[in-house]
PDB file of N, CA and C in Angstrom:
ATOM      1  N   MET A   1      97.981 111.899 112.400  1.00  0.00           N
ATOM      2  CA  MET A   1      97.789 111.209 113.640  1.00  0.00           C
ATOM      3  C   MET A   1      98.975 111.461 114.540  1.00  0.00           C
ATOM      4  N   SER A   2      98.783 111.225 115.790  1.00  0.00           N
ATOM      5  CA  SER A   2      99.827 111.429 116.770  1.00  0.00           C
ATOM      6  C   SER A   2     100.307 110.071 117.278  1.00  0.00           C
ATOM      7  N   LEU A   3     101.600 109.909 117.407  1.00  0.00           N
ATOM      8  CA  LEU A   3     102.158 108.657 117.892  1.00  0.00           C
ATOM      9  C   LEU A   3     102.032 108.569 119.412  1.00  0.00           C
ATOM     10  N   ASN A   4     101.868 107.348 119.923  1.00  0.00           N
ATOM     11  CA  ASN A   4     101.890 107.186 121.376  1.00  0.00           C
ATOM     12  C   ASN A   4     103.342 106.988 121.827  1.00  0.00           C
ATOM     13  N   LYS A   5     103.553 106.917 123.126  1.00  0.00           N
ATOM     14  CA  LYS A   5     104.902 106.866 123.675  1.00  0.00           C
ATOM     15  C   LYS A   5     105.673 105.624 123.202  1.00  0.00           C
ATOM     16  N   SER A   6     105.031 104.470 123.187  1.00  0.00           N
ATOM     17  CA  SER A   6     105.731 103.253 122.778  1.00  0.00           C
ATOM     18  C   SER A   6     106.059 103.273 121.279  1.00  0.00           C
ATOM     19  N   GLN A   7     105.183 103.849 120.458  1.00  0.00           N
ATOM     20  CA  GLN A   7     105.475 103.985 119.031  1.00  0.00           C
ATOM     21  C   GLN A   7     106.672 104.908 118.807  1.00  0.00           C
ATOM     22  N   ARG A   8     106.691 106.016 119.538  1.00  0.00           N
ATOM     23  CA  ARG A   8     107.819 106.957 119.420  1.00  0.00           C
ATOM     24  C   ARG A   8     109.129 106.269 119.801  1.00  0.00           C
ATOM     25  N   GLN A   9     109.108 105.517 120.902  1.00  0.00           N
ATOM     26  CA  GLN A   9     110.321 104.849 121.367  1.00  0.00           C
ATOM     27  C   GLN A   9     110.779 103.795 120.370  1.00  0.00           C
ATOM     28  N   TYR A  10     109.849 103.050 119.817  1.00  0.00           N
ATOM     29  CA  TYR A  10     110.193 102.022 118.832  1.00  0.00           C
ATOM     30  C   TYR A  10     110.836 102.658 117.601  1.00  0.00           C
ATOM     31  N   ILE A  11     110.250 103.730 117.109  1.00  0.00           N
ATOM     32  CA  ILE A  11     110.796 104.412 115.932  1.00  0.00           C
ATOM     33  C   ILE A  11     112.185 104.952 116.247  1.00  0.00           C
ATOM     34  N   TYR A  12     112.331 105.573 117.408  1.00  0.00           N
ATOM     35  CA  TYR A  12     113.637 106.105 117.809  1.00  0.00           C
ATOM     36  C   TYR A  12     114.686 104.997 117.828  1.00  0.00           C
ATOM     37  N   ASP A  13     114.384 103.905 118.507  1.00  0.00           N
ATOM     38  CA  ASP A  13     115.333 102.791 118.616  1.00  0.00           C
ATOM     39  C   ASP A  13     115.684 102.218 117.245  1.00  0.00           C
ATOM     40  N   THR A  14     114.690 102.066 116.388  1.00  0.00           N
ATOM     41  CA  THR A  14     114.911 101.510 115.054  1.00  0.00           C
ATOM     42  C   THR A  14     115.826 102.404 114.226  1.00  0.00           C
ATOM     43  N   ILE A  15     115.573 103.694 114.245  1.00  0.00           N
ATOM     44  CA  ILE A  15     116.369 104.637 113.448  1.00  0.00           C
ATOM     45  C   ILE A  15     117.788 104.753 113.999  1.00  0.00           C
ATOM     46  N   VAL A  16     117.936 104.815 115.311  1.00  0.00           N
ATOM     47  CA  VAL A  16     119.257 104.923 115.926  1.00  0.00           C
ATOM     48  C   VAL A  16     120.081 103.659 115.674  1.00  0.00           C
ATOM     49  N   ASN A  17     119.429 102.505 115.686  1.00  0.00           N
ATOM     50  CA  ASN A  17     120.145 101.261 115.386  1.00  0.00           C
ATOM     51  C   ASN A  17     120.593 101.223 113.934  1.00  0.00           C
ATOM     52  N   TYR A  18     119.873 101.889 113.056  1.00  0.00           N
ATOM     53  CA  TYR A  18     120.240 101.957 111.644  1.00  0.00           C
ATOM     54  C   TYR A  18     121.515 102.776 111.465  1.00  0.00           C
ATOM     55  N   LYS A  19     121.539 103.953 112.115  1.00  0.00           N
ATOM     56  CA  LYS A  19     122.703 104.842 111.975  1.00  0.00           C
ATOM     57  C   LYS A  19     122.847 105.659 113.250  1.00  0.00           C
ATOM     58  N   ASP A  20     123.990 105.554 113.897  1.00  0.00           N
ATOM     59  CA  ASP A  20     124.171 106.187 115.199  1.00  0.00           C
ATOM     60  C   ASP A  20     124.195 107.710 115.154  1.00  0.00           C
ATOM     61  N   THR A  21     124.330 108.293 113.973  1.00  0.00           N
ATOM     62  CA  THR A  21     124.292 109.754 113.862  1.00  0.00           C
ATOM     63  C   THR A  21     122.973 110.310 114.385  1.00  0.00           C
ATOM     64  N   TYR A  22     121.914 109.531 114.246  1.00  0.00           N
ATOM     65  CA  TYR A  22     120.610 109.976 114.710  1.00  0.00           C
ATOM     66  C   TYR A  22     120.556 110.092 116.232  1.00  0.00           C
ATOM     67  N   ALA A  23     121.493 109.440 116.930  1.00  0.00           N
ATOM     68  CA  ALA A  23     121.541 109.519 118.392  1.00  0.00           C
ATOM     69  C   ALA A  23     122.563 110.539 118.877  1.00  0.00           C
ATOM     70  N   SER A  24     123.377 111.066 117.976  1.00  0.00           N
ATOM     71  CA  SER A  24     124.434 112.001 118.363  1.00  0.00           C
ATOM     72  C   SER A  24     123.867 113.397 118.587  1.00  0.00           C
ATOM     73  N   VAL A  25     123.951 113.847 119.809  1.00  0.00           N
ATOM     74  CA  VAL A  25     123.435 115.176 120.164  1.00  0.00           C
ATOM     75  C   VAL A  25     124.182 116.239 119.368  1.00  0.00           C
ATOM     76  N   GLY A  26     123.440 117.185 118.840  1.00  0.00           N
ATOM     77  CA  GLY A  26     124.028 118.284 118.091  1.00  0.00           C
ATOM     78  C   GLY A  26     124.083 118.059 116.591  1.00  0.00           C
ATOM     79  N   THR A  27     123.624 116.906 116.124  1.00  0.00           N
ATOM     80  CA  THR A  27     123.600 116.667 114.681  1.00  0.00           C
ATOM     81  C   THR A  27     122.229 117.013 114.116  1.00  0.00           C
ATOM     82  N   VAL A  28     122.214 117.305 112.828  1.00  0.00           N
ATOM     83  CA  VAL A  28     120.944 117.583 112.156  1.00  0.00           C
ATOM     84  C   VAL A  28     120.053 116.345 112.211  1.00  0.00           C
ATOM     85  N   ALA A  29     120.648 115.171 112.013  1.00  0.00           N
ATOM     86  CA  ALA A  29     119.879 113.931 112.051  1.00  0.00           C
ATOM     87  C   ALA A  29     119.171 113.766 113.391  1.00  0.00           C
ATOM     88  N   ASN A  30     119.870 114.064 114.473  1.00  0.00           N
ATOM     89  CA  ASN A  30     119.290 113.958 115.812  1.00  0.00           C
ATOM     90  C   ASN A  30     118.160 114.971 115.994  1.00  0.00           C
ATOM     91  N   ALA A  31     118.393 116.190 115.544  1.00  0.00           N
ATOM     92  CA  ALA A  31     117.361 117.227 115.664  1.00  0.00           C
ATOM     93  C   ALA A  31     116.118 116.866 114.856  1.00  0.00           C
ATOM     94  N   PHE A  32     116.314 116.363 113.644  1.00  0.00           N
ATOM     95  CA  PHE A  32     115.183 115.957 112.812  1.00  0.00           C
ATOM     96  C   PHE A  32     114.407 114.829 113.476  1.00  0.00           C
ATOM     97  N   LEU A  33     115.123 113.815 113.931  1.00  0.00           N
ATOM     98  CA  LEU A  33     114.450 112.657 114.526  1.00  0.00           C
ATOM     99  C   LEU A  33     113.628 113.078 115.740  1.00  0.00           C
ATOM    100  N   HIS A  34     114.216 113.860 116.617  1.00  0.00           N
ATOM    101  CA  HIS A  34     113.485 114.297 117.810  1.00  0.00           C
ATOM    102  C   HIS A  34     112.298 115.180 117.449  1.00  0.00           C
ATOM    103  N   THR A  35     112.474 116.049 116.487  1.00  0.00           N
ATOM    104  CA  THR A  35     111.376 116.918 116.056  1.00  0.00           C
ATOM    105  C   THR A  35     110.238 116.094 115.458  1.00  0.00           C
ATOM    106  N   LEU A  36     110.584 115.158 114.588  1.00  0.00           N
ATOM    107  CA  LEU A  36     109.548 114.352 113.936  1.00  0.00           C
ATOM    108  C   LEU A  36     108.836 113.428 114.921  1.00  0.00           C
ATOM    109  N   LEU A  37     109.528 113.006 115.962  1.00  0.00           N
ATOM    110  CA  LEU A  37     108.886 112.138 116.952  1.00  0.00           C
ATOM    111  C   LEU A  37     107.932 112.899 117.863  1.00  0.00           C
ATOM    112  N   CYS A  38     108.087 114.199 117.956  1.00  0.00           N
ATOM    113  CA  CYS A  38     107.218 114.947 118.876  1.00  0.00           C
ATOM    114  C   CYS A  38     106.039 115.637 118.182  1.00  0.00           C
ATOM    115  N   ILE A  39     105.948 115.556 116.861  1.00  0.00           N
ATOM    116  CA  ILE A  39     104.841 116.243 116.193  1.00  0.00           C
ATOM    117  C   ILE A  39     103.512 115.553 116.490  1.00  0.00           C
ATOM    118  N   GLY A  40     102.487 116.347 116.537  1.00  0.00           N
ATOM    119  CA  GLY A  40     101.142 115.840 116.799  1.00  0.00           C
ATOM    120  C   GLY A  40     100.345 115.712 115.523  1.00  0.00           C
ATOM    121  N   GLU A  41      99.038 115.685 115.673  1.00  0.00           N
ATOM    122  CA  GLU A  41      98.132 115.462 114.542  1.00  0.00           C
ATOM    123  C   GLU A  41      98.220 116.547 113.471  1.00  0.00           C
ATOM    124  N   LYS A  42      98.543 117.764 113.876  1.00  0.00           N
ATOM    125  CA  LYS A  42      98.620 118.859 112.906  1.00  0.00           C
ATOM    126  C   LYS A  42      99.904 118.819 112.093  1.00  0.00           C
ATOM    127  N   GLY A  43     100.885 118.013 112.530  1.00  0.00           N
ATOM    128  CA  GLY A  43     102.127 117.883 111.786  1.00  0.00           C
ATOM    129  C   GLY A  43     103.039 119.082 111.956  1.00  0.00           C
ATOM    130  N   ILE A  44     104.029 119.142 111.085  1.00  0.00           N
ATOM    131  CA  ILE A  44     104.996 120.245 111.097  1.00  0.00           C
ATOM    132  C   ILE A  44     105.204 120.706 109.658  1.00  0.00           C
ATOM    133  N   HIS A  45     105.321 121.993 109.482  1.00  0.00           N
ATOM    134  CA  HIS A  45     105.515 122.546 108.148  1.00  0.00           C
ATOM    135  C   HIS A  45     106.930 122.230 107.669  1.00  0.00           C
ATOM    136  N   ILE A  46     107.073 121.929 106.392  1.00  0.00           N
ATOM    137  CA  ILE A  46     108.368 121.587 105.807  1.00  0.00           C
ATOM    138  C   ILE A  46     109.390 122.693 106.043  1.00  0.00           C
ATOM    139  N   LYS A  47     108.957 123.937 106.047  1.00  0.00           N
ATOM    140  CA  LYS A  47     109.874 125.066 106.246  1.00  0.00           C
ATOM    141  C   LYS A  47     110.500 125.038 107.640  1.00  0.00           C
ATOM    142  N   SER A  48     109.772 124.524 108.624  1.00  0.00           N
ATOM    143  CA  SER A  48     110.333 124.418 109.975  1.00  0.00           C
ATOM    144  C   SER A  48     111.505 123.449 109.988  1.00  0.00           C
ATOM    145  N   LEU A  49     111.360 122.336 109.281  1.00  0.00           N
ATOM    146  CA  LEU A  49     112.461 121.376 109.196  1.00  0.00           C
ATOM    147  C   LEU A  49     113.603 121.919 108.356  1.00  0.00           C
ATOM    148  N   GLU A  50     113.281 122.637 107.308  1.00  0.00           N
ATOM    149  CA  GLU A  50     114.329 123.252 106.496  1.00  0.00           C
ATOM    150  C   GLU A  50     115.151 124.219 107.334  1.00  0.00           C
ATOM    151  N   GLY A  51     114.494 124.901 108.260  1.00  0.00           N
ATOM    152  CA  GLY A  51     115.199 125.835 109.145  1.00  0.00           C
ATOM    153  C   GLY A  51     116.261 125.141 109.979  1.00  0.00           C
ATOM    154  N   ILE A  52     115.978 123.923 110.436  1.00  0.00           N
ATOM    155  CA  ILE A  52     116.970 123.141 111.177  1.00  0.00           C
ATOM    156  C   ILE A  52     118.176 122.865 110.272  1.00  0.00           C
ATOM    157  N   HIS A  53     117.903 122.490 109.037  1.00  0.00           N
ATOM    158  CA  HIS A  53     118.962 122.190 108.071  1.00  0.00           C
ATOM    159  C   HIS A  53     119.816 123.430 107.805  1.00  0.00           C
ATOM    160  N   ILE A  54     119.170 124.551 107.600  1.00  0.00           N
ATOM    161  CA  ILE A  54     119.870 125.801 107.297  1.00  0.00           C
ATOM    162  C   ILE A  54     120.712 126.261 108.489  1.00  0.00           C
ATOM    163  N   ALA A  55     120.197 126.100 109.699  1.00  0.00           N
ATOM    164  CA  ALA A  55     120.865 126.599 110.896  1.00  0.00           C
ATOM    165  C   ALA A  55     122.110 125.797 111.284  1.00  0.00           C
ATOM    166  N   SER A  56     122.216 124.586 110.782  1.00  0.00           N
ATOM    167  CA  SER A  56     123.338 123.736 111.152  1.00  0.00           C
ATOM    168  C   SER A  56     124.608 124.118 110.397  1.00  0.00           C
ATOM    169  N   ASP A  57     125.731 124.044 111.100  1.00  0.00           N
ATOM    170  CA  ASP A  57     127.023 124.317 110.467  1.00  0.00           C
ATOM    171  C   ASP A  57     127.475 123.178 109.562  1.00  0.00           C
ATOM    172  N   ASN A  58     126.949 121.984 109.783  1.00  0.00           N
ATOM    173  CA  ASN A  58     127.481 120.795 109.122  1.00  0.00           C
ATOM    174  C   ASN A  58     126.654 120.310 107.934  1.00  0.00           C
ATOM    175  N   THR A  59     125.811 121.141 107.374  1.00  0.00           N
ATOM    176  CA  THR A  59     124.995 120.707 106.233  1.00  0.00           C
ATOM    177  C   THR A  59     125.441 121.419 104.970  1.00  0.00           C
ATOM    178  N   ARG A  60     125.204 120.734 103.873  1.00  0.00           N
ATOM    179  CA  ARG A  60     125.528 121.297 102.555  1.00  0.00           C
ATOM    180  C   ARG A  60     124.327 121.089 101.644  1.00  0.00           C
ATOM    181  N   GLY A  61     124.283 121.843 100.583  1.00  0.00           N
ATOM    182  CA  GLY A  61     123.238 121.644  99.585  1.00  0.00           C
ATOM    183  C   GLY A  61     121.918 122.277  99.972  1.00  0.00           C
ATOM    184  N   SER A  62     120.926 121.922  99.214  1.00  0.00           N
ATOM    185  CA  SER A  62     119.588 122.478  99.361  1.00  0.00           C
ATOM    186  C   SER A  62     118.940 122.015 100.664  1.00  0.00           C
ATOM    187  N   ALA A  63     118.381 122.951 101.396  1.00  0.00           N
ATOM    188  CA  ALA A  63     117.689 122.606 102.643  1.00  0.00           C
ATOM    189  C   ALA A  63     116.467 121.738 102.354  1.00  0.00           C
ATOM    190  N   PHE A  64     115.757 122.022 101.268  1.00  0.00           N
ATOM    191  CA  PHE A  64     114.568 121.239 100.941  1.00  0.00           C
ATOM    192  C   PHE A  64     114.943 119.794 100.612  1.00  0.00           C
ATOM    193  N   SER A  65     115.916 119.603  99.721  1.00  0.00           N
ATOM    194  CA  SER A  65     116.281 118.231  99.348  1.00  0.00           C
ATOM    195  C   SER A  65     116.915 117.497 100.516  1.00  0.00           C
ATOM    196  N   GLY A  66     117.681 118.196 101.349  1.00  0.00           N
ATOM    197  CA  GLY A  66     118.247 117.566 102.540  1.00  0.00           C
ATOM    198  C   GLY A  66     117.164 117.088 103.489  1.00  0.00           C
ATOM    199  N   THR A  67     116.149 117.904 103.675  1.00  0.00           N
ATOM    200  CA  THR A  67     115.025 117.551 104.536  1.00  0.00           C
ATOM    201  C   THR A  67     114.273 116.355 103.981  1.00  0.00           C
ATOM    202  N   ILE A  68     113.988 116.379 102.690  1.00  0.00           N
ATOM    203  CA  ILE A  68     113.283 115.264 102.056  1.00  0.00           C
ATOM    204  C   ILE A  68     114.100 113.977 102.171  1.00  0.00           C
ATOM    205  N   ASN A  69     115.417 114.075 102.051  1.00  0.00           N
ATOM    206  CA  ASN A  69     116.265 112.888 102.174  1.00  0.00           C
ATOM    207  C   ASN A  69     116.184 112.266 103.575  1.00  0.00           C
ATOM    208  N   TYR A  70     116.143 113.096 104.609  1.00  0.00           N
ATOM    209  CA  TYR A  70     115.984 112.566 105.973  1.00  0.00           C
ATOM    210  C   TYR A  70     114.644 111.846 106.111  1.00  0.00           C
ATOM    211  N   ILE A  71     113.599 112.432 105.580  1.00  0.00           N
ATOM    212  CA  ILE A  71     112.265 111.821 105.660  1.00  0.00           C
ATOM    213  C   ILE A  71     112.249 110.500 104.901  1.00  0.00           C
ATOM    214  N   ARG A  72     112.819 110.487 103.712  1.00  0.00           N
ATOM    215  CA  ARG A  72     112.882 109.246 102.924  1.00  0.00           C
ATOM    216  C   ARG A  72     113.658 108.161 103.665  1.00  0.00           C
ATOM    217  N   THR A  73     114.770 108.543 104.273  1.00  0.00           N
ATOM    218  CA  THR A  73     115.580 107.566 105.006  1.00  0.00           C
ATOM    219  C   THR A  73     114.797 106.971 106.168  1.00  0.00           C
ATOM    220  N   ILE A  74     114.134 107.811 106.930  1.00  0.00           N
ATOM    221  CA  ILE A  74     113.344 107.322 108.071  1.00  0.00           C
ATOM    222  C   ILE A  74     112.250 106.382 107.578  1.00  0.00           C
ATOM    223  N   ASN A  75     111.544 106.761 106.526  1.00  0.00           N
ATOM    224  CA  ASN A  75     110.495 105.898 105.971  1.00  0.00           C
ATOM    225  C   ASN A  75     111.074 104.575 105.473  1.00  0.00           C
ATOM    226  N   LYS A  76     112.210 104.629 104.793  1.00  0.00           N
ATOM    227  CA  LYS A  76     112.844 103.427 104.249  1.00  0.00           C
ATOM    228  C   LYS A  76     113.252 102.468 105.365  1.00  0.00           C
ATOM    229  N   VAL A  77     113.875 102.990 106.405  1.00  0.00           N
ATOM    230  CA  VAL A  77     114.342 102.152 107.510  1.00  0.00           C
ATOM    231  C   VAL A  77     113.156 101.511 108.235  1.00  0.00           C
ATOM    232  N   LEU A  78     112.108 102.271 108.457  1.00  0.00           N
ATOM    233  CA  LEU A  78     110.925 101.707 109.122  1.00  0.00           C
ATOM    234  C   LEU A  78     110.269 100.641 108.264  1.00  0.00           C
ATOM    235  N   LYS A  79     110.208 100.878 106.951  1.00  0.00           N
ATOM    236  CA  LYS A  79     109.611  99.877 106.066  1.00  0.00           C
ATOM    237  C   LYS A  79     110.450  98.606 106.014  1.00  0.00           C
ATOM    238  N   GLN A  80     111.775  98.745 106.022  1.00  0.00           N
ATOM    239  CA  GLN A  80     112.653  97.573 106.045  1.00  0.00           C
ATOM    240  C   GLN A  80     112.446  96.766 107.328  1.00  0.00           C
ATOM    241  N   ASP A  81     112.204  97.470 108.424  1.00  0.00           N
ATOM    242  CA  ASP A  81     112.069  96.806 109.717  1.00  0.00           C
ATOM    243  C   ASP A  81     110.679  96.201 109.925  1.00  0.00           C
ATOM    244  N   LEU A  82     109.641  96.915 109.515  1.00  0.00           N
ATOM    245  CA  LEU A  82     108.268  96.486 109.794  1.00  0.00           C
ATOM    246  C   LEU A  82     107.470  96.062 108.570  1.00  0.00           C
ATOM    247  N   GLY A  83     108.010  96.269 107.393  1.00  0.00           N
ATOM    248  CA  GLY A  83     107.275  95.922 106.183  1.00  0.00           C
ATOM    249  C   GLY A  83     106.074  96.825 105.983  1.00  0.00           C
ATOM    250  N   PRO A  84     104.982  96.265 105.462  1.00  0.00           N
ATOM    251  CA  PRO A  84     103.803  97.085 105.157  1.00  0.00           C
ATOM    252  C   PRO A  84     103.091  97.641 106.394  1.00  0.00           C
ATOM    253  N   LYS A  85     103.456  97.165 107.580  1.00  0.00           N
ATOM    254  CA  LYS A  85     102.834  97.672 108.812  1.00  0.00           C
ATOM    255  C   LYS A  85     103.522  98.920 109.348  1.00  0.00           C
ATOM    256  N   ALA A  86     104.570  99.358 108.691  1.00  0.00           N
ATOM    257  CA  ALA A  86     105.371 100.480 109.182  1.00  0.00           C
ATOM    258  C   ALA A  86     104.604 101.798 109.114  1.00  0.00           C
ATOM    259  N   PRO A  87     104.731 102.612 110.168  1.00  0.00           N
ATOM    260  CA  PRO A  87     104.212 103.987 110.066  1.00  0.00           C
ATOM    261  C   PRO A  87     105.117 104.745 109.108  1.00  0.00           C
ATOM    262  N   ARG A  88     104.604 105.805 108.529  1.00  0.00           N
ATOM    263  CA  ARG A  88     105.461 106.586 107.642  1.00  0.00           C
ATOM    264  C   ARG A  88     105.118 108.053 107.729  1.00  0.00           C
ATOM    265  N   LEU A  89     106.085 108.841 107.333  1.00  0.00           N
ATOM    266  CA  LEU A  89     105.910 110.282 107.283  1.00  0.00           C
ATOM    267  C   LEU A  89     105.387 110.646 105.904  1.00  0.00           C
ATOM    268  N   MET A  90     104.371 111.495 105.878  1.00  0.00           N
ATOM    269  CA  MET A  90     103.802 111.948 104.609  1.00  0.00           C
ATOM    270  C   MET A  90     103.695 113.462 104.611  1.00  0.00           C
ATOM    271  N   MET A  91     103.791 114.025 103.414  1.00  0.00           N
ATOM    272  CA  MET A  91     103.632 115.466 103.286  1.00  0.00           C
ATOM    273  C   MET A  91     102.639 115.760 102.177  1.00  0.00           C
ATOM    274  N   ASP A  92     101.743 116.674 102.459  1.00  0.00           N
ATOM    275  CA  ASP A  92     100.797 117.148 101.456  1.00  0.00           C
ATOM    276  C   ASP A  92     101.531 118.178 100.605  1.00  0.00           C
ATOM    277  N   MET A  93     102.027 117.743  99.452  1.00  0.00           N
ATOM    278  CA  MET A  93     102.847 118.612  98.601  1.00  0.00           C
ATOM    279  C   MET A  93     102.047 119.755  97.984  1.00  0.00           C
ATOM    280  N   LEU A  94     100.774 119.530  97.716  1.00  0.00           N
ATOM    281  CA  LEU A  94      99.982 120.548  97.026  1.00  0.00           C
ATOM    282  C   LEU A  94      99.195 121.432  97.979  1.00  0.00           C
ATOM    283  N   GLY A  95      99.024 120.992  99.192  1.00  0.00           N
ATOM    284  CA  GLY A  95      98.209 121.740 100.148  1.00  0.00           C
ATOM    285  C   GLY A  95      99.058 122.542 101.103  1.00  0.00           C
ATOM    286  N   ASN A  96      98.972 122.174 102.376  1.00  0.00           N
ATOM    287  CA  ASN A  96      99.599 122.975 103.421  1.00  0.00           C
ATOM    288  C   ASN A  96     101.071 122.637 103.678  1.00  0.00           C
ATOM    289  N   GLN A  97     101.627 121.673 102.980  1.00  0.00           N
ATOM    290  CA  GLN A  97     103.032 121.269 103.082  1.00  0.00           C
ATOM    291  C   GLN A  97     103.433 120.914 104.517  1.00  0.00           C
ATOM    292  N   ARG A  98     102.513 120.271 105.223  1.00  0.00           N
ATOM    293  CA  ARG A  98     102.796 119.822 106.582  1.00  0.00           C
ATOM    294  C   ARG A  98     103.107 118.330 106.555  1.00  0.00           C
ATOM    295  N   ILE A  99     104.079 117.943 107.351  1.00  0.00           N
ATOM    296  CA  ILE A  99     104.492 116.551 107.440  1.00  0.00           C
ATOM    297  C   ILE A  99     103.814 115.935 108.648  1.00  0.00           C
ATOM    298  N   THR A 100     103.187 114.780 108.435  1.00  0.00           N
ATOM    299  CA  THR A 100     102.488 114.075 109.508  1.00  0.00           C
ATOM    300  C   THR A 100     102.836 112.595 109.462  1.00  0.00           C
ATOM    301  N   TRP A 101     102.589 111.919 110.581  1.00  0.00           N
ATOM    302  CA  TRP A 101     102.736 110.470 110.644  1.00  0.00           C
ATOM    303  C   TRP A 101     101.449 109.815 110.185  1.00  0.00           C
ATOM    304  N   VAL A 102     101.574 108.737 109.429  1.00  0.00           N
ATOM    305  CA  VAL A 102     100.423 107.955 108.987  1.00  0.00           C
ATOM    306  C   VAL A 102     100.698 106.506 109.362  1.00  0.00           C
ATOM    307  N   LEU A 103      99.728 105.875 110.023  1.00  0.00           N
ATOM    308  CA  LEU A 103      99.866 104.467 110.382  1.00  0.00           C
ATOM    309  C   LEU A 103      99.387 103.580 109.248  1.00  0.00           C
ATOM    310  N   ALA A 104      99.839 102.344 109.245  1.00  0.00           N
ATOM    311  CA  ALA A 104      99.504 101.394 108.179  1.00  0.00           C
ATOM    312  C   ALA A 104      97.993 101.250 108.011  1.00  0.00           C
ATOM    313  N   GLU A 105      97.248 101.225 109.130  1.00  0.00           N
ATOM    314  CA  GLU A 105      95.791 101.079 109.031  1.00  0.00           C
ATOM    315  C   GLU A 105      95.180 102.240 108.249  1.00  0.00           C
ATOM    316  N   GLU A 106      95.677 103.441 108.510  1.00  0.00           N
ATOM    317  CA  GLU A 106      95.173 104.613 107.796  1.00  0.00           C
ATOM    318  C   GLU A 106      95.525 104.530 106.310  1.00  0.00           C
ATOM    319  N   GLN A 107      96.716 104.039 106.017  1.00  0.00           N
ATOM    320  CA  GLN A 107      97.137 103.890 104.622  1.00  0.00           C
ATOM    321  C   GLN A 107      96.245 102.882 103.908  1.00  0.00           C
ATOM    322  N   ALA A 108      95.906 101.781 104.594  1.00  0.00           N
ATOM    323  CA  ALA A 108      95.054 100.748 103.994  1.00  0.00           C
ATOM    324  C   ALA A 108      93.658 101.294 103.722  1.00  0.00           C
ATOM    325  N   ILE A 109      93.133 102.075 104.653  1.00  0.00           N
ATOM    326  CA  ILE A 109      91.807 102.668 104.481  1.00  0.00           C
ATOM    327  C   ILE A 109      91.818 103.641 103.302  1.00  0.00           C
ATOM    328  N   ASP A 110      92.851 104.487 103.238  1.00  0.00           N
ATOM    329  CA  ASP A 110      92.963 105.442 102.127  1.00  0.00           C
ATOM    330  C   ASP A 110      93.065 104.728 100.780  1.00  0.00           C
ATOM    331  N   ALA A 111      93.842 103.650 100.742  1.00  0.00           N
ATOM    332  CA  ALA A 111      93.992 102.889  99.492  1.00  0.00           C
ATOM    333  C   ALA A 111      92.668 102.252  99.078  1.00  0.00           C
ATOM    334  N   ALA A 112      91.942 101.716 100.060  1.00  0.00           N
ATOM    335  CA  ALA A 112      90.651 101.096  99.758  1.00  0.00           C
ATOM    336  C   ALA A 112      89.655 102.136  99.246  1.00  0.00           C
ATOM    337  N   LEU A 113      89.648 103.308  99.857  1.00  0.00           N
ATOM    338  CA  LEU A 113      88.746 104.375  99.398  1.00  0.00           C
ATOM    339  C   LEU A 113      89.115 104.833  97.991  1.00  0.00           C
ATOM    340  N   ALA A 114      90.409 104.962  97.727  1.00  0.00           N
ATOM    341  CA  ALA A 114      90.844 105.369  96.395  1.00  0.00           C
ATOM    342  C   ALA A 114      90.451 104.325  95.359  1.00  0.00           C
ATOM    343  N   GLU A 115      90.571 103.055  95.747  1.00  0.00           N
ATOM    344  CA  GLU A 115      90.182 101.978  94.835  1.00  0.00           C
ATOM    345  C   GLU A 115      88.685 102.025  94.556  1.00  0.00           C
ATOM    346  N   LEU A 116      87.897 102.255  95.602  1.00  0.00           N
ATOM    347  CA  LEU A 116      86.448 102.354  95.422  1.00  0.00           C
ATOM    348  C   LEU A 116      86.069 103.532  94.537  1.00  0.00           C
ATOM    349  N   GLU A 117      86.715 104.654  94.774  1.00  0.00           N
ATOM    350  CA  GLU A 117      86.447 105.835  93.958  1.00  0.00           C
ATOM    351  C   GLU A 117      86.840 105.593  92.511  1.00  0.00           C
ATOM    352  N   GLY A 118      87.940 104.883  92.312  1.00  0.00           N
ATOM    353  CA  GLY A 118      88.373 104.527  90.969  1.00  0.00           C
ATOM    354  C   GLY A 118      87.376 103.605  90.292  1.00  0.00           C
ATOM    355  N   ASP A 119      86.825 102.637  91.043  1.00  0.00           N
ATOM    356  CA  ASP A 119      85.819 101.724  90.504  1.00  0.00           C
ATOM    357  C   ASP A 119      84.544 102.477  90.133  1.00  0.00           C
ATOM    358  N   GLU A 120      84.165 103.414  90.987  1.00  0.00           N
ATOM    359  CA  GLU A 120      82.964 104.203  90.698  1.00  0.00           C
ATOM    360  C   GLU A 120      83.165 105.028  89.431  1.00  0.00           C
ATOM    361  N   ASP A 121      84.359 105.613  89.279  1.00  0.00           N
ATOM    362  CA  ASP A 121      84.642 106.382  88.077  1.00  0.00           C
ATOM    363  C   ASP A 121      84.598 105.471  86.855  1.00  0.00           C
ATOM    364  N   GLY A 122      85.140 104.265  87.008  1.00  0.00           N
ATOM    365  CA  GLY A 122      85.152 103.327  85.897  1.00  0.00           C
ATOM    366  C   GLY A 122      83.758 102.877  85.512  1.00  0.00           C
ATOM    367  N   ASP A 123      82.852 102.780  86.478  1.00  0.00           N
ATOM    368  CA  ASP A 123      81.485 102.354  86.200  1.00  0.00           C
ATOM    369  C   ASP A 123      80.687 103.394  85.426  1.00  0.00           C
ATOM    370  N   THR A 124      81.058 104.660  85.589  1.00  0.00           N
ATOM    371  CA  THR A 124      80.276 105.708  84.949  1.00  0.00           C
ATOM    372  C   THR A 124      80.756 106.007  83.543  1.00  0.00           C
ATOM    373  N   GLU A 125      81.968 105.544  83.194  1.00  0.00           N
ATOM    374  CA  GLU A 125      82.473 105.812  81.852  1.00  0.00           C
ATOM    375  C   GLU A 125      81.915 104.774  80.883  1.00  0.00           C
ATOM    376  N   THR A 126      81.606 105.222  79.664  1.00  0.00           N
ATOM    377  CA  THR A 126      81.113 104.307  78.642  1.00  0.00           C
ATOM    378  C   THR A 126      81.912 104.418  77.383  1.00  0.00           C
TER     379      THR A 126
END
């Protein structure tokens, strides 16, 4: 899904209030935050974010784990601020490896469908 302008601004403000590095121009954190706030429904491939990590002079370690850590931090901060209503970043690890935003309503629908599918599977087993 794609975030609207007020959702993007809220996420930006929340993350920047958590740690000012996300607001500092020229940092990897700032580049990641701005990139993740502008992605649309198709998301962004993990390799694109890894490229930001690799290109920076101030990063160390694995680009993949560094990227995942930024995503985890953003998700954690939003969940702390909004609880179960928080939007979150998700990545399809087995498919196209694209990172997208998911809203709480979508998460609830997915969980309900998974529960129903699980119940149906349970009904057919003897």
